[in-house]
Amino acid sequence: MAASIGNLTKAYISAIDFLDQREIDPKIYDVSRDRAFTDIMKLVSRRKPTSMHSYHNFVNSNVYETGTISAVTSTGLAQIQFTINTASTFPRKNDLVVTSNANNADKQGIIISTPTYGSGTATIVVRSLGGNADPLWATIGDEVGFTSNAYPEKSDAPTNRRYPVTKYFNQTQIFREVDEITDVQKVAAITVDVNGTPHILPYQLIQKAIKLNGDISVQMIAGVQSSTSFSDANPFLSDSSSGLPIQTTGGLNWYVTTYGIDDEAAVLGTFGWTEMDQIVDNWIANKAPQDQMGFMASTVKGYLDRFFKNLNSSGVTSVRMVIDGRTIDFNVDHISYRGFEIDFIHLPILNHPQLFSASLTPDIHGSIFFVPKDQIDTVDNGRAPRMQIRYTPSPFNGTGGYSDGVMKEWRTGALAEVPTNDVAELKTNWYTEQGLECLGVPHFQKFRVV
């Protein structure tokens, strides 16, 4: 540039390329906040290995049943006969009987002969315990319960009942992520720094790790179990190149809508005592534990806040959440109602605008997910956590890379710590195979509010 005459102004200097220094804050600020939104592992901190790519559990059946009267042969007598609809041959001779008929209040009867079983029906003869002074009544639609039994002196053994078990199962899912960078860009300095170094690689690695953990967290909530499994010979879901099957794990929403209680307010956008009673009645009908925690988005939390906090005396308190003996870092609203202790918890991931918005997943965003706070009992007096992550042991051999036993990280390329080929690049891989397991899901409840 040739010399010129005039004042040395800022514009003159700025016109010379790269001569001005630039005032640049070297930090990258986290406005996406994806890491804060997607971390739900504090809620499901239990992990259990699985030796297979699908895992199964069994639950016992109810030891009691009820039936509904579908036909009446005789009524208003000390001995009556009627037919009930029943999915099994549950009623048996010498069972004690109560019914919902108002005329039978404070009365019991006994089945005096072996019932006649039909296809989904049982015809039974019941005699009043009070004799002729206390006749029994039967009307179509009455509910019938078999509450106890009574036998005479020198009685024979009753007819044997067989109680089945119900199997639930889920499967794992392979999650992967990758980062690639060339030799030139790996050493090229940039104007911002991460972890004290002015290079782009640490930033990319952090973003990829956040994305992978987010993918896992989202699937543990909203994942749908695929009909395809790794064992399928002709998979419907398969890789377009290899033809090998792809399987996915079912998340909390899938578990509850498939096996648990799935209900909603009669009028969406409404929450009050009617809805609270509806929720509690659902628990009672399914014999659910009385300590419950409910996870929800901010939208739903707003409906609850406006309801509870507008009451003169709501009994709402702020407490620390404890899950099967572990204190969790959430401040929650707690209420006691009809014998149930309920924690209402705002779960930030359900507010994520790209994952669980009101338009993208309205039923998940607008619902409360209730999970018992206890550990579930086994029939032989053992205990197990209600929710846990199942994972397969790492299939990788050798000492290269890093593994916490659940997730594997390794590097390849000529720029790796131990070069694996002649290509001047660094490739970082992450691999994990995980799935959600929920136990005692008939006690879980999804209740849609909005």
Protein backbone atom coordinates (compact mmCIF):
# COMPACT_ATOMS: atom_id res chain seq x y z
CA MET A 1 0.00 0.00 0.00
CA ALA A 2 1.43 3.35 -1.00
CA ALA A 3 1.84 6.27 1.44
CA SER A 4 -0.84 8.98 1.53
CA ILE A 5 -1.50 12.34 3.17
CA GLY A 6 -4.11 12.87 5.88
CA ASN A 7 -5.04 12.17 9.49
CA LEU A 8 -4.44 8.67 10.78
CA THR A 9 -8.05 7.72 11.56
CA LYS A 10 -9.62 4.52 12.86
CA ALA A 11 -11.26 3.95 9.50
CA TYR A 12 -7.84 4.09 7.80
CA ILE A 13 -6.40 1.40 10.10
CA SER A 14 -9.53 -0.79 9.95
CA ALA A 15 -9.35 -0.79 6.17
CA ILE A 16 -6.07 -2.72 6.38
CA ASP A 17 -6.97 -6.43 6.52
CA PHE A 18 -6.29 -8.18 9.86
CA LEU A 19 -4.44 -5.19 11.36
CA ASP A 20 -7.07 -4.49 14.04
CA GLN A 21 -7.15 -6.72 17.04
CA ARG A 22 -10.52 -8.29 17.77
CA GLU A 23 -12.06 -8.37 21.22
CA ILE A 24 -13.56 -11.87 21.35
CA ASP A 25 -14.72 -13.64 24.46
CA PRO A 26 -12.99 -17.03 24.19
CA LYS A 27 -15.79 -18.94 25.93
CA ILE A 28 -18.70 -20.73 24.25
CA TYR A 29 -21.88 -20.17 26.22
CA ASP A 30 -24.50 -22.86 26.62
CA VAL A 31 -27.74 -21.31 25.37
CA SER A 32 -29.13 -24.60 24.00
CA ARG A 33 -29.05 -26.09 27.53
CA ASP A 34 -29.50 -29.57 26.04
CA ARG A 35 -27.29 -31.07 28.73
CA ALA A 36 -29.52 -29.73 31.52
CA PHE A 37 -32.69 -30.84 29.76
CA THR A 38 -31.70 -34.36 28.84
CA ASP A 39 -30.11 -35.62 32.05
CA ILE A 40 -32.72 -37.94 33.60
CA MET A 41 -30.29 -40.60 34.75
CA LYS A 42 -30.54 -39.26 38.30
CA LEU A 43 -34.09 -40.64 38.29
CA VAL A 44 -33.09 -44.00 36.85
CA SER A 45 -29.69 -44.46 38.46
CA ARG A 46 -29.92 -48.22 38.82
CA ARG A 47 -28.20 -50.33 36.19
CA LYS A 48 -28.32 -54.08 35.75
CA PRO A 49 -26.51 -56.14 33.11
CA THR A 50 -28.42 -58.50 30.86
CA SER A 51 -26.87 -61.47 29.12
CA MET A 52 -29.50 -61.37 26.35
CA HIS A 53 -30.81 -58.63 24.09
CA SER A 54 -34.33 -58.98 25.48
CA TYR A 55 -35.31 -59.38 29.12
CA HIS A 56 -38.46 -60.69 30.72
CA ASN A 57 -40.20 -60.51 34.08
CA PHE A 58 -43.31 -62.13 35.48
CA VAL A 59 -46.02 -60.76 37.76
CA ASN A 60 -48.47 -62.74 39.82
CA SER A 61 -52.23 -62.70 39.32
CA ASN A 62 -54.92 -61.48 41.71
CA VAL A 63 -55.87 -64.10 44.28
CA TYR A 64 -59.43 -62.74 44.32
CA GLU A 65 -61.90 -62.20 41.50
CA THR A 66 -65.34 -60.69 41.08
CA GLY A 67 -68.13 -61.47 38.65
CA THR A 68 -71.20 -59.72 37.27
CA ILE A 69 -74.64 -61.33 37.35
CA SER A 70 -75.87 -61.96 33.81
CA ALA A 71 -78.95 -64.10 34.53
CA VAL A 72 -81.16 -64.77 37.59
CA THR A 73 -83.01 -68.03 38.22
CA SER A 74 -84.39 -67.25 41.68
CA THR A 75 -84.18 -64.31 44.08
CA GLY A 76 -85.63 -62.99 47.35
CA LEU A 77 -85.22 -66.38 49.09
CA ALA A 78 -82.90 -67.94 51.64
CA GLN A 79 -81.44 -69.93 48.73
CA ILE A 80 -81.06 -68.30 45.32
CA GLN A 81 -79.51 -69.18 41.98
CA PHE A 82 -77.90 -66.93 39.38
CA THR A 83 -75.30 -66.92 36.63
CA ILE A 84 -72.24 -64.67 36.53
CA ASN A 85 -69.88 -63.68 33.77
CA THR A 86 -66.37 -64.73 34.71
CA ALA A 87 -63.21 -65.12 32.68
CA SER A 88 -62.23 -68.19 34.71
CA THR A 89 -63.71 -70.99 36.79
CA PHE A 90 -62.97 -69.04 39.96
CA PRO A 91 -66.11 -69.64 42.11
CA ARG A 92 -66.13 -72.96 43.95
CA LYS A 93 -68.25 -74.82 46.50
CA ASN A 94 -68.01 -73.45 50.07
CA ASP A 95 -66.94 -69.96 48.96
CA LEU A 96 -68.59 -67.15 50.96
CA VAL A 97 -70.31 -64.60 48.78
CA VAL A 98 -71.24 -60.90 48.99
CA THR A 99 -72.99 -58.85 46.32
CA SER A 100 -73.51 -55.19 45.48
CA ASN A 101 -77.33 -55.50 45.70
CA ALA A 102 -78.61 -52.95 48.22
CA ASN A 103 -80.97 -55.56 49.72
CA ASN A 104 -77.95 -57.70 50.61
CA ALA A 105 -76.20 -55.10 52.78
CA ASP A 106 -74.55 -56.74 55.81
CA LYS A 107 -75.40 -60.21 54.48
CA GLN A 108 -73.30 -63.13 53.31
CA GLY A 109 -74.12 -66.30 51.46
CA ILE A 110 -72.33 -69.57 50.84
CA ILE A 111 -72.07 -71.58 47.62
CA ILE A 112 -73.62 -74.90 48.65
CA SER A 113 -72.89 -76.98 45.56
CA THR A 114 -70.30 -77.19 42.83
CA PRO A 115 -70.98 -74.42 40.27
CA THR A 116 -71.92 -75.26 36.71
CA TYR A 117 -69.30 -73.75 34.43
CA GLY A 118 -70.08 -72.57 30.92
CA SER A 119 -68.11 -70.64 28.35
CA GLY A 120 -67.15 -67.54 30.35
CA THR A 121 -69.96 -68.13 32.85
CA ALA A 122 -70.63 -69.90 36.15
CA THR A 123 -74.07 -70.75 37.52
CA ILE A 124 -74.06 -70.91 41.30
CA VAL A 125 -76.51 -71.73 44.09
CA VAL A 126 -76.07 -69.52 47.16
CA ARG A 127 -77.68 -70.00 50.58
CA SER A 128 -78.00 -67.16 53.09
CA LEU A 129 -75.91 -67.43 56.26
CA GLY A 130 -78.82 -65.88 58.13
CA GLY A 131 -81.35 -68.48 56.96
CA ASN A 132 -84.96 -67.65 56.14
CA ALA A 133 -84.79 -64.46 58.23
CA ASP A 134 -82.22 -62.97 55.83
CA PRO A 135 -83.22 -63.72 52.22
CA LEU A 136 -80.77 -62.91 49.44
CA TRP A 137 -81.52 -60.93 46.31
CA ALA A 138 -80.01 -60.97 42.83
CA THR A 139 -80.43 -58.58 39.91
CA ILE A 140 -78.75 -58.60 36.52
CA GLY A 141 -75.73 -56.29 36.71
CA ASP A 142 -74.99 -56.90 40.41
CA GLU A 143 -71.32 -57.36 41.25
CA VAL A 144 -70.45 -60.56 43.14
CA GLY A 145 -67.39 -61.08 45.33
CA PHE A 146 -66.00 -64.30 46.78
CA THR A 147 -64.52 -63.10 50.04
CA SER A 148 -63.76 -66.16 52.15
CA ASN A 149 -64.67 -69.83 52.63
CA ALA A 150 -66.26 -72.10 55.26
CA TYR A 151 -66.19 -75.91 55.57
CA PRO A 152 -67.97 -78.46 57.78
CA GLU A 153 -66.47 -80.89 60.22
CA LYS A 154 -64.62 -83.78 58.55
CA SER A 155 -64.59 -81.90 55.25
CA ASP A 156 -62.91 -83.01 52.07
CA ALA A 157 -60.31 -80.86 50.31
CA PRO A 158 -61.67 -78.02 48.17
CA THR A 159 -61.34 -77.98 44.41
CA ASN A 160 -57.85 -76.85 43.48
CA ARG A 161 -57.34 -73.41 41.95
CA ARG A 162 -54.45 -72.64 39.60
CA TYR A 163 -53.03 -69.13 39.53
CA PRO A 164 -51.21 -68.07 36.35
CA VAL A 165 -48.41 -65.54 35.96
CA THR A 166 -48.19 -62.78 33.34
CA LYS A 167 -45.00 -62.11 31.42
CA TYR A 168 -43.76 -58.64 30.49
CA PHE A 169 -40.71 -58.05 28.35
CA ASN A 170 -38.61 -55.34 26.77
CA GLN A 171 -35.43 -55.28 24.74
CA THR A 172 -32.22 -53.35 24.42
CA GLN A 173 -31.30 -50.82 21.76
CA ILE A 174 -27.90 -50.05 20.27
CA PHE A 175 -27.02 -46.35 20.49
CA ARG A 176 -24.04 -44.93 18.55
CA GLU A 177 -22.37 -41.58 17.87
CA VAL A 178 -19.22 -40.51 16.02
CA ASP A 179 -16.90 -37.52 15.59
CA GLU A 180 -14.44 -37.07 12.73
CA ILE A 181 -11.76 -34.41 12.27
CA THR A 182 -8.89 -34.06 9.80
CA ASP A 183 -5.21 -33.50 10.59
CA VAL A 184 -5.33 -29.87 9.40
CA GLN A 185 -8.35 -28.81 11.46
CA LYS A 186 -7.24 -30.75 14.54
CA VAL A 187 -4.23 -28.47 15.02
CA ALA A 188 -5.73 -25.26 13.61
CA ALA A 189 -6.35 -22.67 16.30
CA ILE A 190 -9.71 -20.95 16.59
CA THR A 191 -10.76 -17.80 18.43
CA VAL A 192 -12.64 -19.60 21.21
CA ASP A 193 -11.37 -22.17 23.66
CA VAL A 194 -12.86 -25.15 25.42
CA ASN A 195 -11.15 -26.79 28.37
CA GLY A 196 -8.33 -24.27 27.99
CA THR A 197 -7.40 -25.09 24.40
CA PRO A 198 -8.17 -22.95 21.29
CA HIS A 199 -9.25 -25.87 19.13
CA ILE A 200 -12.62 -27.08 17.85
CA LEU A 201 -12.18 -30.76 18.81
CA PRO A 202 -13.08 -30.52 22.54
CA TYR A 203 -16.25 -28.57 21.71
CA GLN A 204 -17.34 -31.16 19.15
CA LEU A 205 -16.69 -34.03 21.56
CA ILE A 206 -18.76 -32.37 24.29
CA GLN A 207 -21.65 -31.71 21.91
CA LYS A 208 -21.61 -35.31 20.64
CA ALA A 209 -21.60 -36.71 24.19
CA ILE A 210 -24.55 -34.49 25.14
CA LYS A 211 -26.45 -35.62 22.04
CA LEU A 212 -25.82 -39.31 22.71
CA ASN A 213 -26.89 -39.08 26.35
CA GLY A 214 -29.93 -37.10 25.23
CA ASP A 215 -30.87 -39.76 22.68
CA ILE A 216 -30.74 -42.40 25.40
CA SER A 217 -32.77 -40.31 27.85
CA VAL A 218 -35.47 -39.52 25.28
CA GLN A 219 -35.82 -43.17 24.29
CA MET A 220 -36.16 -44.17 27.97
CA ILE A 221 -39.19 -41.85 28.14
CA ALA A 222 -40.82 -41.92 24.70
CA GLY A 223 -39.34 -44.99 23.05
CA VAL A 224 -41.62 -47.53 21.38
CA GLN A 225 -40.59 -51.20 21.48
CA SER A 226 -40.06 -52.43 17.94
CA SER A 227 -41.78 -55.56 16.71
CA THR A 228 -38.44 -56.47 15.13
CA SER A 229 -35.77 -58.10 17.30
CA PHE A 230 -32.15 -59.07 16.69
CA SER A 231 -33.22 -62.74 16.49
CA ASP A 232 -35.59 -62.23 13.52
CA ALA A 233 -34.61 -64.16 10.41
CA ASN A 234 -36.66 -61.87 8.15
CA PRO A 235 -36.70 -58.53 9.99
CA PHE A 236 -39.14 -55.79 9.06
CA LEU A 237 -36.69 -53.18 10.41
CA SER A 238 -33.30 -53.81 8.89
CA ASP A 239 -30.18 -52.00 7.79
CA SER A 240 -30.37 -50.99 4.13
CA SER A 241 -26.84 -52.24 3.49
CA SER A 242 -26.34 -55.35 5.61
CA GLY A 243 -29.97 -56.42 5.94
CA LEU A 244 -29.42 -57.11 9.64
CA PRO A 245 -32.25 -56.33 12.09
CA ILE A 246 -32.70 -53.16 14.11
CA GLN A 247 -34.51 -53.32 17.45
CA THR A 248 -35.62 -50.56 19.81
CA THR A 249 -36.46 -50.40 23.49
CA GLY A 250 -39.79 -49.32 24.94
CA GLY A 251 -39.65 -46.29 27.22
CA LEU A 252 -41.73 -45.22 30.21
CA ASN A 253 -44.62 -44.00 28.06
CA TRP A 254 -44.70 -47.31 26.15
CA TYR A 255 -44.62 -49.32 29.38
CA VAL A 256 -47.50 -47.41 30.97
CA THR A 257 -49.74 -47.27 27.90
CA THR A 258 -49.12 -50.97 27.18
CA TYR A 259 -49.23 -52.51 30.66
CA GLY A 260 -50.23 -49.81 33.16
CA ILE A 261 -53.01 -47.31 33.85
CA ASP A 262 -53.65 -44.91 30.96
CA ASP A 263 -56.30 -42.27 31.73
CA GLU A 264 -57.09 -38.61 31.16
CA ALA A 265 -59.24 -35.77 32.45
CA ALA A 266 -62.80 -35.80 31.15
CA VAL A 267 -62.16 -32.29 29.84
CA LEU A 268 -58.54 -31.67 28.83
CA GLY A 269 -57.19 -28.47 30.35
CA THR A 270 -58.99 -29.11 33.62
CA PHE A 271 -57.49 -30.15 36.95
CA GLY A 272 -59.24 -30.19 40.31
CA TRP A 273 -60.59 -32.53 42.95
CA THR A 274 -62.51 -34.50 40.35
CA GLU A 275 -59.28 -35.36 38.55
CA MET A 276 -57.47 -36.03 41.84
CA ASP A 277 -60.21 -38.50 42.79
CA GLN A 278 -59.96 -40.09 39.36
CA ILE A 279 -56.22 -40.62 39.79
CA VAL A 280 -56.60 -42.06 43.30
CA ASP A 281 -59.49 -44.30 42.26
CA ASN A 282 -57.29 -45.73 39.50
CA TRP A 283 -54.60 -46.56 42.06
CA ILE A 284 -57.09 -48.19 44.40
CA ALA A 285 -58.60 -50.28 41.60
CA ASN A 286 -55.12 -51.61 40.79
CA LYS A 287 -53.93 -51.97 44.42
CA ALA A 288 -51.06 -49.55 43.82
CA PRO A 289 -48.70 -48.43 46.63
CA GLN A 290 -49.69 -45.30 48.52
CA ASP A 291 -46.38 -43.44 48.01
CA GLN A 292 -46.33 -42.08 44.45
CA MET A 293 -44.30 -39.56 42.44
CA GLY A 294 -45.59 -37.82 39.33
CA PHE A 295 -43.33 -36.38 36.59
CA MET A 296 -44.61 -33.64 34.31
CA ALA A 297 -43.77 -30.73 32.03
CA SER A 298 -44.06 -27.10 33.06
CA THR A 299 -47.37 -26.77 31.22
CA VAL A 300 -49.02 -29.44 33.35
CA LYS A 301 -47.29 -28.19 36.50
CA GLY A 302 -48.96 -24.84 35.90
CA TYR A 303 -52.43 -26.39 36.07
CA LEU A 304 -51.55 -28.12 39.33
CA ASP A 305 -49.98 -24.97 40.81
CA ARG A 306 -53.03 -22.88 40.03
CA PHE A 307 -55.31 -25.48 41.60
CA PHE A 308 -53.39 -26.32 44.76
CA LYS A 309 -52.01 -22.88 45.52
CA ASN A 310 -55.37 -21.14 45.17
CA LEU A 311 -56.85 -23.27 47.94
CA ASN A 312 -57.16 -21.75 51.39
CA SER A 313 -55.58 -24.83 53.00
CA SER A 314 -54.23 -27.24 50.43
CA GLY A 315 -51.71 -29.15 52.49
CA VAL A 316 -49.09 -28.62 49.77
CA THR A 317 -45.52 -28.61 51.05
CA SER A 318 -42.10 -28.38 49.41
CA VAL A 319 -39.92 -31.40 50.15
CA ARG A 320 -36.83 -33.26 48.96
CA MET A 321 -37.62 -36.28 46.85
CA VAL A 322 -36.57 -39.73 48.05
CA ILE A 323 -36.75 -42.73 45.69
CA ASP A 324 -36.36 -46.18 47.27
CA GLY A 325 -34.20 -44.72 50.00
CA ARG A 326 -32.13 -42.35 47.82
CA THR A 327 -32.42 -38.58 48.17
CA ILE A 328 -32.70 -36.97 44.72
CA ASP A 329 -31.80 -33.37 43.90
CA PHE A 330 -35.30 -32.17 43.07
CA ASN A 331 -37.49 -29.81 45.07
CA VAL A 332 -41.02 -31.07 44.70
CA ASP A 333 -44.56 -30.31 45.79
CA HIS A 334 -45.98 -32.91 48.14
CA ILE A 335 -49.58 -33.51 49.15
CA SER A 336 -51.39 -36.06 51.29
CA TYR A 337 -54.80 -37.05 49.94
CA ARG A 338 -57.12 -39.98 50.71
CA GLY A 339 -54.30 -41.91 52.34
CA PHE A 340 -51.87 -41.39 49.45
CA GLU A 341 -48.59 -39.47 49.68
CA ILE A 342 -47.92 -37.82 46.31
CA ASP A 343 -44.88 -35.91 45.04
CA PHE A 344 -45.39 -33.69 41.98
CA ILE A 345 -42.11 -33.18 40.10
CA HIS A 346 -41.33 -30.84 37.23
CA LEU A 347 -39.08 -32.78 34.80
CA PRO A 348 -37.21 -30.32 32.52
CA ILE A 349 -36.72 -32.73 29.62
CA LEU A 350 -40.50 -32.75 29.04
CA ASN A 351 -40.22 -29.02 28.19
CA HIS A 352 -37.59 -29.55 25.49
CA PRO A 353 -38.95 -27.71 22.42
CA GLN A 354 -37.33 -30.05 19.90
CA LEU A 355 -38.25 -33.26 21.71
CA PHE A 356 -41.43 -32.95 23.78
CA SER A 357 -43.27 -29.81 22.70
CA ALA A 358 -47.06 -29.52 22.98
CA SER A 359 -47.32 -29.79 19.18
CA LEU A 360 -44.77 -32.59 18.65
CA THR A 361 -45.81 -35.00 21.43
CA PRO A 362 -48.97 -33.50 22.98
CA ASP A 363 -49.96 -36.61 24.94
CA ILE A 364 -46.53 -36.93 26.63
CA HIS A 365 -46.07 -33.19 27.14
CA GLY A 366 -49.58 -32.88 28.58
CA SER A 367 -49.50 -35.85 30.97
CA ILE A 368 -48.39 -36.74 34.48
CA PHE A 369 -46.42 -39.97 34.76
CA PHE A 370 -46.91 -41.54 38.17
CA VAL A 371 -44.40 -44.12 39.42
CA PRO A 372 -44.42 -45.74 42.88
CA LYS A 373 -41.58 -44.50 45.08
CA ASP A 374 -40.98 -47.84 46.75
CA GLN A 375 -39.17 -50.96 45.65
CA ILE A 376 -41.46 -53.73 44.45
CA ASP A 377 -41.75 -56.88 46.53
CA THR A 378 -41.32 -60.37 45.13
CA VAL A 379 -43.61 -63.16 46.29
CA ASP A 380 -40.71 -64.71 48.23
CA ASN A 381 -40.04 -61.49 50.18
CA GLY A 382 -37.31 -60.06 47.95
CA ARG A 383 -37.25 -56.51 46.61
CA ALA A 384 -36.28 -54.81 43.35
CA PRO A 385 -36.21 -51.19 42.04
CA ARG A 386 -39.24 -50.06 40.05
CA MET A 387 -37.12 -48.67 37.18
CA GLN A 388 -33.65 -49.61 36.05
CA ILE A 389 -31.45 -49.51 32.97
CA ARG A 390 -30.57 -52.92 31.52
CA TYR A 391 -27.37 -53.06 29.48
CA THR A 392 -25.32 -55.66 27.69
CA PRO A 393 -21.65 -56.06 28.61
CA SER A 394 -19.29 -54.38 26.16
CA PRO A 395 -18.58 -56.62 23.14
CA PHE A 396 -15.18 -54.98 22.63
CA ASN A 397 -11.93 -56.70 23.49
CA GLY A 398 -8.58 -55.18 24.35
CA THR A 399 -7.58 -52.13 26.36
CA GLY A 400 -7.93 -49.47 23.66
CA GLY A 401 -10.30 -46.58 24.36
CA TYR A 402 -12.38 -46.04 27.47
CA SER A 403 -15.35 -47.87 28.97
CA ASP A 404 -17.37 -47.47 32.16
CA GLY A 405 -18.85 -50.92 31.65
CA VAL A 406 -21.95 -49.49 29.95
CA MET A 407 -20.64 -47.16 27.23
CA LYS A 408 -17.54 -47.69 25.12
CA GLU A 409 -15.43 -44.92 23.52
CA TRP A 410 -12.59 -45.60 21.12
CA ARG A 411 -10.52 -43.73 18.51
CA THR A 412 -9.27 -44.73 15.10
CA GLY A 413 -7.23 -43.19 12.30
CA ALA A 414 -3.62 -42.12 11.89
CA LEU A 415 -4.12 -39.42 14.55
CA ALA A 416 -5.34 -41.83 17.24
CA GLU A 417 -3.17 -42.53 20.29
CA VAL A 418 -2.43 -45.88 18.68
CA PRO A 419 -2.69 -45.33 14.89
CA THR A 420 -5.05 -47.80 13.19
CA ASN A 421 -4.54 -46.84 9.54
CA ASP A 422 -2.75 -44.34 7.28
CA VAL A 423 -5.60 -41.82 6.87
CA ALA A 424 -4.67 -38.49 8.50
CA GLU A 425 -7.81 -38.08 10.57
CA LEU A 426 -9.11 -38.77 14.06
CA LYS A 427 -12.38 -40.66 14.40
CA THR A 428 -14.02 -41.00 17.82
CA ASN A 429 -16.75 -43.60 18.30
CA TRP A 430 -19.23 -44.13 21.11
CA TYR A 431 -21.24 -47.33 21.47
CA THR A 432 -23.70 -48.62 24.06
CA GLU A 433 -26.57 -51.12 24.15
CA GLN A 434 -29.21 -50.27 26.74
CA GLY A 435 -32.91 -50.63 27.49
CA LEU A 436 -35.40 -49.58 30.14
CA GLU A 437 -36.95 -52.06 32.55
CA CYS A 438 -39.98 -51.19 34.66
CA LEU A 439 -41.32 -53.62 37.25
CA GLY A 440 -44.87 -53.80 38.56
CA VAL A 441 -46.15 -51.57 35.75
CA PRO A 442 -49.86 -52.15 36.60
CA HIS A 443 -49.10 -49.75 39.49
CA PHE A 444 -47.80 -47.03 37.10
CA GLN A 445 -50.19 -44.40 35.80
CA LYS A 446 -50.21 -41.92 32.93
CA PHE A 447 -52.83 -39.23 33.42
CA ARG A 448 -53.29 -36.64 30.69
CA VAL A 449 -54.25 -33.18 31.91
CA VAL A 450 -53.92 -31.01 28.80
